[in-house]
Full PDB file with SEQRES, HELIX, SHEET, SSBOND, CRYST1, ORIGX, SCALE, CONECT and MASTER records, all heavy atoms in Angstrom:
SEQRES   1 A   40  THR TRP SER LYS LEU ARG ARG TYR LEU ILE GLU ASP GLU          
SEQRES   2 A   40  ALA ASN PRO ASP SER SER ASN ASP PHE GLY LYS ASN ILE          
SEQRES   3 A   40  ILE PRO ALA MET LEU GLY ALA SER GLU LYS LEU MET ALA          
SEQRES   4 A   40  TYR                                                          
HELIX    1 AA1 TRP A    2  GLU A   13  1                                  12    
HELIX    2 AA2 PHE A   22  ILE A   26  3                                   5    
HELIX    3 AA3 ILE A   27  GLY A   32  1                                   6    
CRYST1    1.000    1.000    1.000  90.00  90.00  90.00 P 1           1          
ORIGX1      1.000000  0.000000  0.000000        0.00000                         
ORIGX2      0.000000  1.000000  0.000000        0.00000                         
ORIGX3      0.000000  0.000000  1.000000        0.00000                         
SCALE1      1.000000  0.000000  0.000000        0.00000                         
SCALE2      0.000000  1.000000  0.000000        0.00000                         
SCALE3      0.000000  0.000000  1.000000        0.00000                         
ATOM      1  N   THR A   1      -1.964   7.377   2.690  1.00  0.00           N  
ATOM      2  CA  THR A   1      -0.568   6.973   2.609  1.00  0.00           C  
ATOM      3  C   THR A   1      -0.182   7.070   1.139  1.00  0.00           C  
ATOM      4  O   THR A   1      -0.806   6.426   0.287  1.00  0.00           O  
ATOM      5  CB  THR A   1      -0.392   5.540   3.137  1.00  0.00           C  
ATOM      6  OG1 THR A   1      -0.800   5.505   4.518  1.00  0.00           O  
ATOM      7  CG2 THR A   1       1.048   5.080   3.011  1.00  0.00           C  
ATOM      8  N   TRP A   2       0.809   7.901   0.817  1.00  0.00           N  
ATOM      9  CA  TRP A   2       1.077   8.238  -0.579  1.00  0.00           C  
ATOM     10  C   TRP A   2       1.416   7.021  -1.438  1.00  0.00           C  
ATOM     11  O   TRP A   2       0.946   6.898  -2.583  1.00  0.00           O  
ATOM     12  CB  TRP A   2       2.184   9.288  -0.667  1.00  0.00           C  
ATOM     13  CG  TRP A   2       2.662   9.569  -2.062  1.00  0.00           C  
ATOM     14  CD1 TRP A   2       3.943   9.551  -2.525  1.00  0.00           C  
ATOM     15  CD2 TRP A   2       1.856   9.926  -3.199  1.00  0.00           C  
ATOM     16  NE1 TRP A   2       3.993   9.875  -3.849  1.00  0.00           N  
ATOM     17  CE2 TRP A   2       2.716  10.095  -4.304  1.00  0.00           C  
ATOM     18  CE3 TRP A   2       0.492  10.108  -3.391  1.00  0.00           C  
ATOM     19  CZ2 TRP A   2       2.268  10.440  -5.571  1.00  0.00           C  
ATOM     20  CZ3 TRP A   2       0.030  10.443  -4.664  1.00  0.00           C  
ATOM     21  CH2 TRP A   2       0.903  10.612  -5.732  1.00  0.00           C  
ATOM     22  N   SER A   3       2.190   6.098  -0.931  1.00  0.00           N  
ATOM     23  CA  SER A   3       2.550   4.929  -1.732  1.00  0.00           C  
ATOM     24  C   SER A   3       1.310   4.142  -2.146  1.00  0.00           C  
ATOM     25  O   SER A   3       1.255   3.594  -3.261  1.00  0.00           O  
ATOM     26  CB  SER A   3       3.514   4.030  -0.959  1.00  0.00           C  
ATOM     27  OG  SER A   3       2.928   3.601   0.269  1.00  0.00           O  
ATOM     28  N   LYS A   4       0.320   4.075  -1.263  1.00  0.00           N  
ATOM     29  CA  LYS A   4      -0.937   3.388  -1.591  1.00  0.00           C  
ATOM     30  C   LYS A   4      -1.736   4.195  -2.615  1.00  0.00           C  
ATOM     31  O   LYS A   4      -2.188   3.661  -3.633  1.00  0.00           O  
ATOM     32  CB  LYS A   4      -1.771   3.208  -0.330  1.00  0.00           C  
ATOM     33  CG  LYS A   4      -1.191   2.262   0.698  1.00  0.00           C  
ATOM     34  CD  LYS A   4      -1.592   0.840   0.422  1.00  0.00           C  
ATOM     35  CE  LYS A   4      -1.197  -0.071   1.572  1.00  0.00           C  
ATOM     36  NZ  LYS A   4      -1.559  -1.480   1.306  1.00  0.00           N  
ATOM     37  N   LEU A   5      -1.936   5.471  -2.353  1.00  0.00           N  
ATOM     38  CA  LEU A   5      -2.749   6.295  -3.245  1.00  0.00           C  
ATOM     39  C   LEU A   5      -2.144   6.336  -4.645  1.00  0.00           C  
ATOM     40  O   LEU A   5      -2.874   6.264  -5.643  1.00  0.00           O  
ATOM     41  CB  LEU A   5      -2.873   7.716  -2.694  1.00  0.00           C  
ATOM     42  CG  LEU A   5      -3.607   8.719  -3.596  1.00  0.00           C  
ATOM     43  CD1 LEU A   5      -5.032   8.264  -3.880  1.00  0.00           C  
ATOM     44  CD2 LEU A   5      -3.590  10.117  -2.987  1.00  0.00           C  
ATOM     45  N   ARG A   6      -0.843   6.438  -4.730  1.00  0.00           N  
ATOM     46  CA  ARG A   6      -0.177   6.534  -6.028  1.00  0.00           C  
ATOM     47  C   ARG A   6      -0.547   5.353  -6.916  1.00  0.00           C  
ATOM     48  O   ARG A   6      -0.876   5.503  -8.100  1.00  0.00           O  
ATOM     49  CB  ARG A   6       1.337   6.601  -5.814  1.00  0.00           C  
ATOM     50  CG  ARG A   6       2.140   6.998  -7.036  1.00  0.00           C  
ATOM     51  CD  ARG A   6       3.639   6.991  -6.712  1.00  0.00           C  
ATOM     52  NE  ARG A   6       4.415   7.616  -7.764  1.00  0.00           N  
ATOM     53  CZ  ARG A   6       4.748   7.034  -8.906  1.00  0.00           C  
ATOM     54  NH1 ARG A   6       4.360   5.786  -9.134  1.00  0.00           N  
ATOM     55  NH2 ARG A   6       5.468   7.684  -9.812  1.00  0.00           N  
ATOM     56  N   ARG A   7      -0.539   4.165  -6.330  1.00  0.00           N  
ATOM     57  CA  ARG A   7      -0.866   2.964  -7.104  1.00  0.00           C  
ATOM     58  C   ARG A   7      -2.314   2.971  -7.560  1.00  0.00           C  
ATOM     59  O   ARG A   7      -2.617   2.647  -8.719  1.00  0.00           O  
ATOM     60  CB  ARG A   7      -0.573   1.721  -6.250  1.00  0.00           C  
ATOM     61  CG  ARG A   7      -0.961   0.409  -6.924  1.00  0.00           C  
ATOM     62  CD  ARG A   7      -0.303  -0.771  -6.215  1.00  0.00           C  
ATOM     63  NE  ARG A   7      -0.689  -0.858  -4.821  1.00  0.00           N  
ATOM     64  CZ  ARG A   7      -1.799  -1.475  -4.402  1.00  0.00           C  
ATOM     65  NH1 ARG A   7      -2.633  -2.011  -5.263  1.00  0.00           N  
ATOM     66  NH2 ARG A   7      -2.065  -1.555  -3.103  1.00  0.00           N  
ATOM     67  N   TYR A   8      -3.230   3.374  -6.670  1.00  0.00           N  
ATOM     68  CA  TYR A   8      -4.648   3.375  -7.029  1.00  0.00           C  
ATOM     69  C   TYR A   8      -4.958   4.450  -8.074  1.00  0.00           C  
ATOM     70  O   TYR A   8      -5.829   4.264  -8.919  1.00  0.00           O  
ATOM     71  CB  TYR A   8      -5.517   3.564  -5.789  1.00  0.00           C  
ATOM     72  CG  TYR A   8      -5.695   2.273  -5.012  1.00  0.00           C  
ATOM     73  CD1 TYR A   8      -4.870   1.964  -3.935  1.00  0.00           C  
ATOM     74  CD2 TYR A   8      -6.661   1.344  -5.375  1.00  0.00           C  
ATOM     75  CE1 TYR A   8      -4.999   0.783  -3.234  1.00  0.00           C  
ATOM     76  CE2 TYR A   8      -6.807   0.151  -4.679  1.00  0.00           C  
ATOM     77  CZ  TYR A   8      -5.975  -0.131  -3.611  1.00  0.00           C  
ATOM     78  OH  TYR A   8      -6.113  -1.318  -2.932  1.00  0.00           O  
ATOM     79  N   LEU A   9      -4.251   5.573  -8.029  1.00  0.00           N  
ATOM     80  CA  LEU A   9      -4.453   6.608  -9.050  1.00  0.00           C  
ATOM     81  C   LEU A   9      -4.057   6.109 -10.432  1.00  0.00           C  
ATOM     82  O   LEU A   9      -4.757   6.351 -11.421  1.00  0.00           O  
ATOM     83  CB  LEU A   9      -3.642   7.858  -8.696  1.00  0.00           C  
ATOM     84  CG  LEU A   9      -4.113   8.693  -7.513  1.00  0.00           C  
ATOM     85  CD1 LEU A   9      -3.096   9.789  -7.209  1.00  0.00           C  
ATOM     86  CD2 LEU A   9      -5.488   9.301  -7.764  1.00  0.00           C  
ATOM     87  N   ILE A  10      -2.942   5.410 -10.508  1.00  0.00           N  
ATOM     88  CA  ILE A  10      -2.469   4.889 -11.790  1.00  0.00           C  
ATOM     89  C   ILE A  10      -3.435   3.835 -12.332  1.00  0.00           C  
ATOM     90  O   ILE A  10      -3.781   3.835 -13.522  1.00  0.00           O  
ATOM     91  CB  ILE A  10      -1.040   4.319 -11.637  1.00  0.00           C  
ATOM     92  CG1 ILE A  10      -0.055   5.463 -11.337  1.00  0.00           C  
ATOM     93  CG2 ILE A  10      -0.618   3.558 -12.897  1.00  0.00           C  
ATOM     94  CD1 ILE A  10       1.333   4.994 -10.938  1.00  0.00           C  
ATOM     95  N   GLU A  11      -3.900   2.953 -11.449  1.00  0.00           N  
ATOM     96  CA  GLU A  11      -4.863   1.927 -11.880  1.00  0.00           C  
ATOM     97  C   GLU A  11      -6.182   2.557 -12.326  1.00  0.00           C  
ATOM     98  O   GLU A  11      -6.776   2.136 -13.319  1.00  0.00           O  
ATOM     99  CB  GLU A  11      -5.110   0.938 -10.734  1.00  0.00           C  
ATOM    100  CG  GLU A  11      -3.908   0.066 -10.421  1.00  0.00           C  
ATOM    101  CD  GLU A  11      -4.139  -0.812  -9.198  1.00  0.00           C  
ATOM    102  OE1 GLU A  11      -5.236  -0.709  -8.582  1.00  0.00           O  
ATOM    103  OE2 GLU A  11      -3.229  -1.597  -8.851  1.00  0.00           O  
ATOM    104  N   ASP A  12      -6.621   3.584 -11.603  1.00  0.00           N  
ATOM    105  CA  ASP A  12      -7.883   4.241 -11.935  1.00  0.00           C  
ATOM    106  C   ASP A  12      -7.784   4.952 -13.281  1.00  0.00           C  
ATOM    107  O   ASP A  12      -8.726   4.924 -14.084  1.00  0.00           O  
ATOM    108  CB  ASP A  12      -8.255   5.234 -10.832  1.00  0.00           C  
ATOM    109  CG  ASP A  12      -9.580   5.920 -11.099  1.00  0.00           C  
ATOM    110  OD1 ASP A  12     -10.623   5.257 -11.016  1.00  0.00           O  
ATOM    111  OD2 ASP A  12      -9.565   7.126 -11.413  1.00  0.00           O  
ATOM    112  N   GLU A  13      -6.664   5.585 -13.541  1.00  0.00           N  
ATOM    113  CA  GLU A  13      -6.490   6.310 -14.805  1.00  0.00           C  
ATOM    114  C   GLU A  13      -6.506   5.348 -15.996  1.00  0.00           C  
ATOM    115  O   GLU A  13      -6.920   5.719 -17.105  1.00  0.00           O  
ATOM    116  CB  GLU A  13      -5.175   7.100 -14.768  1.00  0.00           C  
ATOM    117  CG  GLU A  13      -4.966   8.028 -15.944  1.00  0.00           C  
ATOM    118  CD  GLU A  13      -5.975   9.167 -16.020  1.00  0.00           C  
ATOM    119  OE1 GLU A  13      -6.551   9.527 -14.969  1.00  0.00           O  
ATOM    120  OE2 GLU A  13      -6.181   9.704 -17.135  1.00  0.00           O  
ATOM    121  N   ALA A  14      -6.058   4.125 -15.778  1.00  0.00           N  
ATOM    122  CA  ALA A  14      -6.019   3.131 -16.853  1.00  0.00           C  
ATOM    123  C   ALA A  14      -7.394   2.553 -17.173  1.00  0.00           C  
ATOM    124  O   ALA A  14      -7.551   1.859 -18.184  1.00  0.00           O  
ATOM    125  CB  ALA A  14      -5.059   2.006 -16.483  1.00  0.00           C  
ATOM    126  N   ASN A  15      -8.377   2.838 -16.338  1.00  0.00           N  
ATOM    127  CA  ASN A  15      -9.735   2.323 -16.536  1.00  0.00           C  
ATOM    128  C   ASN A  15     -10.546   3.338 -17.346  1.00  0.00           C  
ATOM    129  O   ASN A  15     -10.906   4.394 -16.832  1.00  0.00           O  
ATOM    130  CB  ASN A  15     -10.399   2.070 -15.187  1.00  0.00           C  
ATOM    131  CG  ASN A  15     -11.825   1.550 -15.314  1.00  0.00           C  
ATOM    132  OD1 ASN A  15     -12.335   1.349 -16.427  1.00  0.00           O  
ATOM    133  ND2 ASN A  15     -12.475   1.341 -14.184  1.00  0.00           N  
ATOM    134  N   PRO A  16     -10.877   3.025 -18.611  1.00  0.00           N  
ATOM    135  CA  PRO A  16     -11.592   4.010 -19.439  1.00  0.00           C  
ATOM    136  C   PRO A  16     -13.018   4.288 -18.975  1.00  0.00           C  
ATOM    137  O   PRO A  16     -13.610   5.290 -19.365  1.00  0.00           O  
ATOM    138  CB  PRO A  16     -11.587   3.354 -20.831  1.00  0.00           C  
ATOM    139  CG  PRO A  16     -11.444   1.884 -20.567  1.00  0.00           C  
ATOM    140  CD  PRO A  16     -10.591   1.777 -19.344  1.00  0.00           C  
ATOM    141  N   ASP A  17     -13.564   3.428 -18.124  1.00  0.00           N  
ATOM    142  CA  ASP A  17     -14.934   3.602 -17.639  1.00  0.00           C  
ATOM    143  C   ASP A  17     -15.007   4.385 -16.331  1.00  0.00           C  
ATOM    144  O   ASP A  17     -16.101   4.638 -15.815  1.00  0.00           O  
ATOM    145  CB  ASP A  17     -15.600   2.238 -17.448  1.00  0.00           C  
ATOM    146  CG  ASP A  17     -15.717   1.456 -18.753  1.00  0.00           C  
ATOM    147  OD1 ASP A  17     -15.968   2.103 -19.791  1.00  0.00           O  
ATOM    148  OD2 ASP A  17     -15.531   0.228 -18.721  1.00  0.00           O  
ATOM    149  N   SER A  18     -13.853   4.755 -15.788  1.00  0.00           N  
ATOM    150  CA  SER A  18     -13.840   5.446 -14.499  1.00  0.00           C  
ATOM    151  C   SER A  18     -14.222   6.915 -14.640  1.00  0.00           C  
ATOM    152  O   SER A  18     -13.914   7.564 -15.648  1.00  0.00           O  
ATOM    153  CB  SER A  18     -12.452   5.345 -13.859  1.00  0.00           C  
ATOM    154  OG  SER A  18     -12.400   6.093 -12.654  1.00  0.00           O  
ATOM    155  N   SER A  19     -14.865   7.443 -13.602  1.00  0.00           N  
ATOM    156  CA  SER A  19     -15.144   8.882 -13.516  1.00  0.00           C  
ATOM    157  C   SER A  19     -13.958   9.646 -12.948  1.00  0.00           C  
ATOM    158  O   SER A  19     -14.012  10.869 -12.830  1.00  0.00           O  
ATOM    159  CB  SER A  19     -16.378   9.135 -12.642  1.00  0.00           C  
ATOM    160  OG  SER A  19     -17.514   8.493 -13.157  1.00  0.00           O  
ATOM    161  N   ASN A  20     -12.910   8.905 -12.538  1.00  0.00           N  
ATOM    162  CA  ASN A  20     -11.690   9.511 -11.976  1.00  0.00           C  
ATOM    163  C   ASN A  20     -12.006  10.404 -10.780  1.00  0.00           C  
ATOM    164  O   ASN A  20     -11.502  11.521 -10.658  1.00  0.00           O  
ATOM    165  CB  ASN A  20     -10.938  10.310 -13.039  1.00  0.00           C  
ATOM    166  CG  ASN A  20     -10.617   9.487 -14.279  1.00  0.00           C  
ATOM    167  OD1 ASN A  20     -11.001   9.854 -15.386  1.00  0.00           O  
ATOM    168  ND2 ASN A  20      -9.939   8.366 -14.100  1.00  0.00           N  
ATOM    169  N   ASP A  21     -12.842   9.874  -9.883  1.00  0.00           N  
ATOM    170  CA  ASP A  21     -13.320  10.639  -8.735  1.00  0.00           C  
ATOM    171  C   ASP A  21     -12.998   9.872  -7.449  1.00  0.00           C  
ATOM    172  O   ASP A  21     -13.112   8.635  -7.414  1.00  0.00           O  
ATOM    173  CB  ASP A  21     -14.829  10.855  -8.865  1.00  0.00           C  
ATOM    174  CG  ASP A  21     -15.405  11.699  -7.751  1.00  0.00           C  
ATOM    175  OD1 ASP A  21     -15.350  12.936  -7.854  1.00  0.00           O  
ATOM    176  OD2 ASP A  21     -15.918  11.116  -6.771  1.00  0.00           O  
ATOM    177  N   PHE A  22     -12.617  10.590  -6.405  1.00  0.00           N  
ATOM    178  CA  PHE A  22     -12.293   9.921  -5.149  1.00  0.00           C  
ATOM    179  C   PHE A  22     -13.501   9.185  -4.568  1.00  0.00           C  
ATOM    180  O   PHE A  22     -13.419   8.003  -4.223  1.00  0.00           O  
ATOM    181  CB  PHE A  22     -11.746  10.929  -4.126  1.00  0.00           C  
ATOM    182  CG  PHE A  22     -10.299  11.246  -4.323  1.00  0.00           C  
ATOM    183  CD1 PHE A  22      -9.900  12.464  -4.840  1.00  0.00           C  
ATOM    184  CD2 PHE A  22      -9.321  10.320  -4.019  1.00  0.00           C  
ATOM    185  CE1 PHE A  22      -8.570  12.762  -5.046  1.00  0.00           C  
ATOM    186  CE2 PHE A  22      -7.976  10.595  -4.216  1.00  0.00           C  
ATOM    187  CZ  PHE A  22      -7.598  11.822  -4.728  1.00  0.00           C  
ATOM    188  N   GLY A  23     -14.633   9.876  -4.457  1.00  0.00           N  
ATOM    189  CA  GLY A  23     -15.801   9.265  -3.847  1.00  0.00           C  
ATOM    190  C   GLY A  23     -16.405   8.146  -4.674  1.00  0.00           C  
ATOM    191  O   GLY A  23     -16.834   7.119  -4.140  1.00  0.00           O  
ATOM    192  N   LYS A  24     -16.416   8.313  -5.989  1.00  0.00           N  
ATOM    193  CA  LYS A  24     -17.064   7.330  -6.866  1.00  0.00           C  
ATOM    194  C   LYS A  24     -16.158   6.162  -7.231  1.00  0.00           C  
ATOM    195  O   LYS A  24     -16.650   5.066  -7.522  1.00  0.00           O  
ATOM    196  CB  LYS A  24     -17.530   8.020  -8.151  1.00  0.00           C  
ATOM    197  CG  LYS A  24     -18.637   9.034  -7.946  1.00  0.00           C  
ATOM    198  CD  LYS A  24     -18.986   9.724  -9.272  1.00  0.00           C  
ATOM    199  CE  LYS A  24     -20.065  10.781  -9.069  1.00  0.00           C  
ATOM    200  NZ  LYS A  24     -20.348  11.516 -10.331  1.00  0.00           N  
ATOM    201  N   ASN A  25     -14.844   6.396  -7.234  1.00  0.00           N  
ATOM    202  CA  ASN A  25     -13.941   5.371  -7.779  1.00  0.00           C  
ATOM    203  C   ASN A  25     -12.825   4.940  -6.828  1.00  0.00           C  
ATOM    204  O   ASN A  25     -12.681   3.747  -6.553  1.00  0.00           O  
ATOM    205  CB  ASN A  25     -13.317   5.881  -9.085  1.00  0.00           C  
ATOM    206  CG  ASN A  25     -14.366   6.298 -10.101  1.00  0.00           C  
ATOM    207  OD1 ASN A  25     -14.535   7.480 -10.379  1.00  0.00           O  
ATOM    208  ND2 ASN A  25     -15.098   5.339 -10.655  1.00  0.00           N  
ATOM    209  N   ILE A  26     -12.043   5.885  -6.321  1.00  0.00           N  
ATOM    210  CA  ILE A  26     -10.875   5.519  -5.515  1.00  0.00           C  
ATOM    211  C   ILE A  26     -11.286   4.851  -4.202  1.00  0.00           C  
ATOM    212  O   ILE A  26     -10.775   3.770  -3.860  1.00  0.00           O  
ATOM    213  CB  ILE A  26      -9.987   6.749  -5.239  1.00  0.00           C  
ATOM    214  CG1 ILE A  26      -9.493   7.372  -6.557  1.00  0.00           C  
ATOM    215  CG2 ILE A  26      -8.807   6.364  -4.339  1.00  0.00           C  
ATOM    216  CD1 ILE A  26      -8.592   6.486  -7.369  1.00  0.00           C  
ATOM    217  N   ILE A  27     -12.201   5.473  -3.466  1.00  0.00           N  
ATOM    218  CA  ILE A  27     -12.616   4.900  -2.179  1.00  0.00           C  
ATOM    219  C   ILE A  27     -13.263   3.525  -2.372  1.00  0.00           C  
ATOM    220  O   ILE A  27     -12.891   2.553  -1.681  1.00  0.00           O  
ATOM    221  CB  ILE A  27     -13.555   5.871  -1.428  1.00  0.00           C  
ATOM    222  CG1 ILE A  27     -12.841   7.196  -1.132  1.00  0.00           C  
ATOM    223  CG2 ILE A  27     -14.060   5.231  -0.129  1.00  0.00           C  
ATOM    224  CD1 ILE A  27     -11.561   7.071  -0.345  1.00  0.00           C  
ATOM    225  N   PRO A  28     -14.227   3.363  -3.299  1.00  0.00           N  
ATOM    226  CA  PRO A  28     -14.784   2.020  -3.520  1.00  0.00           C  
ATOM    227  C   PRO A  28     -13.721   0.994  -3.951  1.00  0.00           C  
ATOM    228  O   PRO A  28     -13.781  -0.173  -3.540  1.00  0.00           O  
ATOM    229  CB  PRO A  28     -15.811   2.251  -4.634  1.00  0.00           C  
ATOM    230  CG  PRO A  28     -16.231   3.675  -4.464  1.00  0.00           C  
ATOM    231  CD  PRO A  28     -14.978   4.384  -4.057  1.00  0.00           C  
ATOM    232  N   ALA A  29     -12.744   1.426  -4.760  1.00  0.00           N  
ATOM    233  CA  ALA A  29     -11.695   0.493  -5.190  1.00  0.00           C  
ATOM    234  C   ALA A  29     -10.859   0.031  -4.001  1.00  0.00           C  
ATOM    235  O   ALA A  29     -10.505  -1.158  -3.892  1.00  0.00           O  
ATOM    236  CB  ALA A  29     -10.800   1.158  -6.235  1.00  0.00           C  
ATOM    237  N   MET A  30     -10.542   0.929  -3.099  1.00  0.00           N  
ATOM    238  CA  MET A  30      -9.753   0.563  -1.925  1.00  0.00           C  
ATOM    239  C   MET A  30     -10.542  -0.364  -1.008  1.00  0.00           C  
ATOM    240  O   MET A  30     -10.002  -1.335  -0.469  1.00  0.00           O  
ATOM    241  CB  MET A  30      -9.299   1.820  -1.183  1.00  0.00           C  
ATOM    242  CG  MET A  30      -8.346   2.696  -1.980  1.00  0.00           C  
ATOM    243  SD  MET A  30      -7.766   4.160  -1.078  1.00  0.00           S  
ATOM    244  CE  MET A  30      -6.273   3.525  -0.331  1.00  0.00           C  
ATOM    245  N   LEU A  31     -11.829  -0.072  -0.846  1.00  0.00           N  
ATOM    246  CA  LEU A  31     -12.668  -0.959  -0.035  1.00  0.00           C  
ATOM    247  C   LEU A  31     -12.765  -2.342  -0.679  1.00  0.00           C  
ATOM    248  O   LEU A  31     -12.697  -3.370   0.012  1.00  0.00           O  
ATOM    249  CB  LEU A  31     -14.067  -0.354   0.128  1.00  0.00           C  
ATOM    250  CG  LEU A  31     -14.203   0.807   1.107  1.00  0.00           C  
ATOM    251  CD1 LEU A  31     -15.589   1.447   0.986  1.00  0.00           C  
ATOM    252  CD2 LEU A  31     -13.979   0.325   2.544  1.00  0.00           C  
ATOM    253  N   GLY A  32     -12.910  -2.348  -2.013  1.00  0.00           N  
ATOM    254  CA  GLY A  32     -13.007  -3.618  -2.726  1.00  0.00           C  
ATOM    255  C   GLY A  32     -11.746  -4.457  -2.626  1.00  0.00           C  
ATOM    256  O   GLY A  32     -11.794  -5.692  -2.722  1.00  0.00           O  
ATOM    257  N   ALA A  33     -10.604  -3.797  -2.416  1.00  0.00           N  
ATOM    258  CA  ALA A  33      -9.328  -4.494  -2.271  1.00  0.00           C  
ATOM    259  C   ALA A  33      -8.996  -4.786  -0.811  1.00  0.00           C  
ATOM    260  O   ALA A  33      -7.866  -5.193  -0.502  1.00  0.00           O  
ATOM    261  CB  ALA A  33      -8.217  -3.665  -2.907  1.00  0.00           C  
ATOM    262  N   SER A  34      -9.969  -4.548   0.076  1.00  0.00           N  
ATOM    263  CA  SER A  34      -9.817  -4.811   1.520  1.00  0.00           C  
ATOM    264  C   SER A  34      -8.736  -3.969   2.175  1.00  0.00           C  
ATOM    265  O   SER A  34      -8.101  -4.380   3.150  1.00  0.00           O  
ATOM    266  CB  SER A  34      -9.544  -6.305   1.775  1.00  0.00           C  
ATOM    267  OG  SER A  34     -10.617  -7.089   1.296  1.00  0.00           O  
ATOM    268  N   GLU A  35      -8.507  -2.779   1.625  1.00  0.00           N  
ATOM    269  CA  GLU A  35      -7.618  -1.836   2.304  1.00  0.00           C  
ATOM    270  C   GLU A  35      -8.304  -1.324   3.571  1.00  0.00           C  
ATOM    271  O   GLU A  35      -9.531  -1.274   3.662  1.00  0.00           O  
ATOM    272  CB  GLU A  35      -7.295  -0.647   1.390  1.00  0.00           C  
ATOM    273  CG  GLU A  35      -6.544  -0.992   0.125  1.00  0.00           C  
ATOM    274  CD  GLU A  35      -5.063  -1.238   0.339  1.00  0.00           C  
ATOM    275  OE1 GLU A  35      -4.614  -1.235   1.511  1.00  0.00           O  
ATOM    276  OE2 GLU A  35      -4.362  -1.445  -0.665  1.00  0.00           O  
ATOM    277  N   LYS A  36      -7.498  -0.926   4.535  1.00  0.00           N  
ATOM    278  CA  LYS A  36      -8.055  -0.406   5.784  1.00  0.00           C  
ATOM    279  C   LYS A  36      -8.359   1.084   5.625  1.00  0.00           C  
ATOM    280  O   LYS A  36      -7.456   1.882   5.353  1.00  0.00           O  
ATOM    281  CB  LYS A  36      -7.081  -0.612   6.942  1.00  0.00           C  
ATOM    282  CG  LYS A  36      -7.671  -0.239   8.305  1.00  0.00           C  
ATOM    283  CD  LYS A  36      -6.721  -0.596   9.439  1.00  0.00           C  
ATOM    284  CE  LYS A  36      -7.381  -0.353  10.798  1.00  0.00           C  
ATOM    285  NZ  LYS A  36      -6.469  -0.726  11.928  1.00  0.00           N  
ATOM    286  N   LEU A  37      -9.627   1.446   5.798  1.00  0.00           N  
ATOM    287  CA  LEU A  37     -10.066   2.837   5.730  1.00  0.00           C  
ATOM    288  C   LEU A  37     -10.688   3.203   7.075  1.00  0.00           C  
ATOM    289  O   LEU A  37     -11.520   2.456   7.611  1.00  0.00           O  
ATOM    290  CB  LEU A  37     -11.088   3.047   4.614  1.00  0.00           C  
ATOM    291  CG  LEU A  37     -10.545   3.282   3.200  1.00  0.00           C  
ATOM    292  CD1 LEU A  37      -9.873   2.020   2.671  1.00  0.00           C  
ATOM    293  CD2 LEU A  37     -11.662   3.711   2.257  1.00  0.00           C  
ATOM    294  N   MET A  38     -10.300   4.350   7.596  1.00  0.00           N  
ATOM    295  CA  MET A  38     -10.804   4.807   8.888  1.00  0.00           C  
ATOM    296  C   MET A  38     -11.603   6.101   8.732  1.00  0.00           C  
ATOM    297  O   MET A  38     -11.335   6.910   7.840  1.00  0.00           O  
ATOM    298  CB  MET A  38      -9.648   5.043   9.865  1.00  0.00           C  
ATOM    299  CG  MET A  38      -8.871   3.800  10.238  1.00  0.00           C  
ATOM    300  SD  MET A  38      -9.864   2.575  11.134  1.00  0.00           S  
ATOM    301  CE  MET A  38     -10.239   3.479  12.656  1.00  0.00           C  
ATOM    302  N   ALA A  39     -12.579   6.283   9.619  1.00  0.00           N  
ATOM    303  CA  ALA A  39     -13.345   7.526   9.672  1.00  0.00           C  
ATOM    304  C   ALA A  39     -12.818   8.378  10.821  1.00  0.00           C  
ATOM    305  O   ALA A  39     -12.637   7.884  11.936  1.00  0.00           O  
ATOM    306  CB  ALA A  39     -14.822   7.234   9.875  1.00  0.00           C  
ATOM    307  N   TYR A  40     -12.559   9.636  10.525  1.00  0.00           N  
ATOM    308  CA  TYR A  40     -12.152  10.604  11.550  1.00  0.00           C  
ATOM    309  C   TYR A  40     -13.342  11.510  11.820  1.00  0.00           C  
ATOM    310  O   TYR A  40     -13.795  12.238  10.941  1.00  0.00           O  
ATOM    311  CB  TYR A  40     -10.951  11.428  11.077  1.00  0.00           C  
ATOM    312  CG  TYR A  40     -10.625  12.601  11.977  1.00  0.00           C  
ATOM    313  CD1 TYR A  40      -9.971  12.407  13.184  1.00  0.00           C  
ATOM    314  CD2 TYR A  40     -10.997  13.900  11.617  1.00  0.00           C  
ATOM    315  CE1 TYR A  40      -9.683  13.482  14.018  1.00  0.00           C  
ATOM    316  CE2 TYR A  40     -10.705  14.977  12.439  1.00  0.00           C  
ATOM    317  CZ  TYR A  40     -10.057  14.768  13.636  1.00  0.00           C  
ATOM    318  OH  TYR A  40      -9.779  15.829  14.463  1.00  0.00           O  
TER     319      TYR A  40                                                      
MASTER        0    0    0    3    0    0    0    6  318    1    0    4          
END                                                                             
């Protein structure tokens, strides 16, 4: 959902320790924030 991803991208970019990677950073961040993630 673009509105969700947009916010997480901005937060991730502000983190100097991030690898800026979906698998390493964005997905774990969303899980850590209790966002709903589904497997297809």
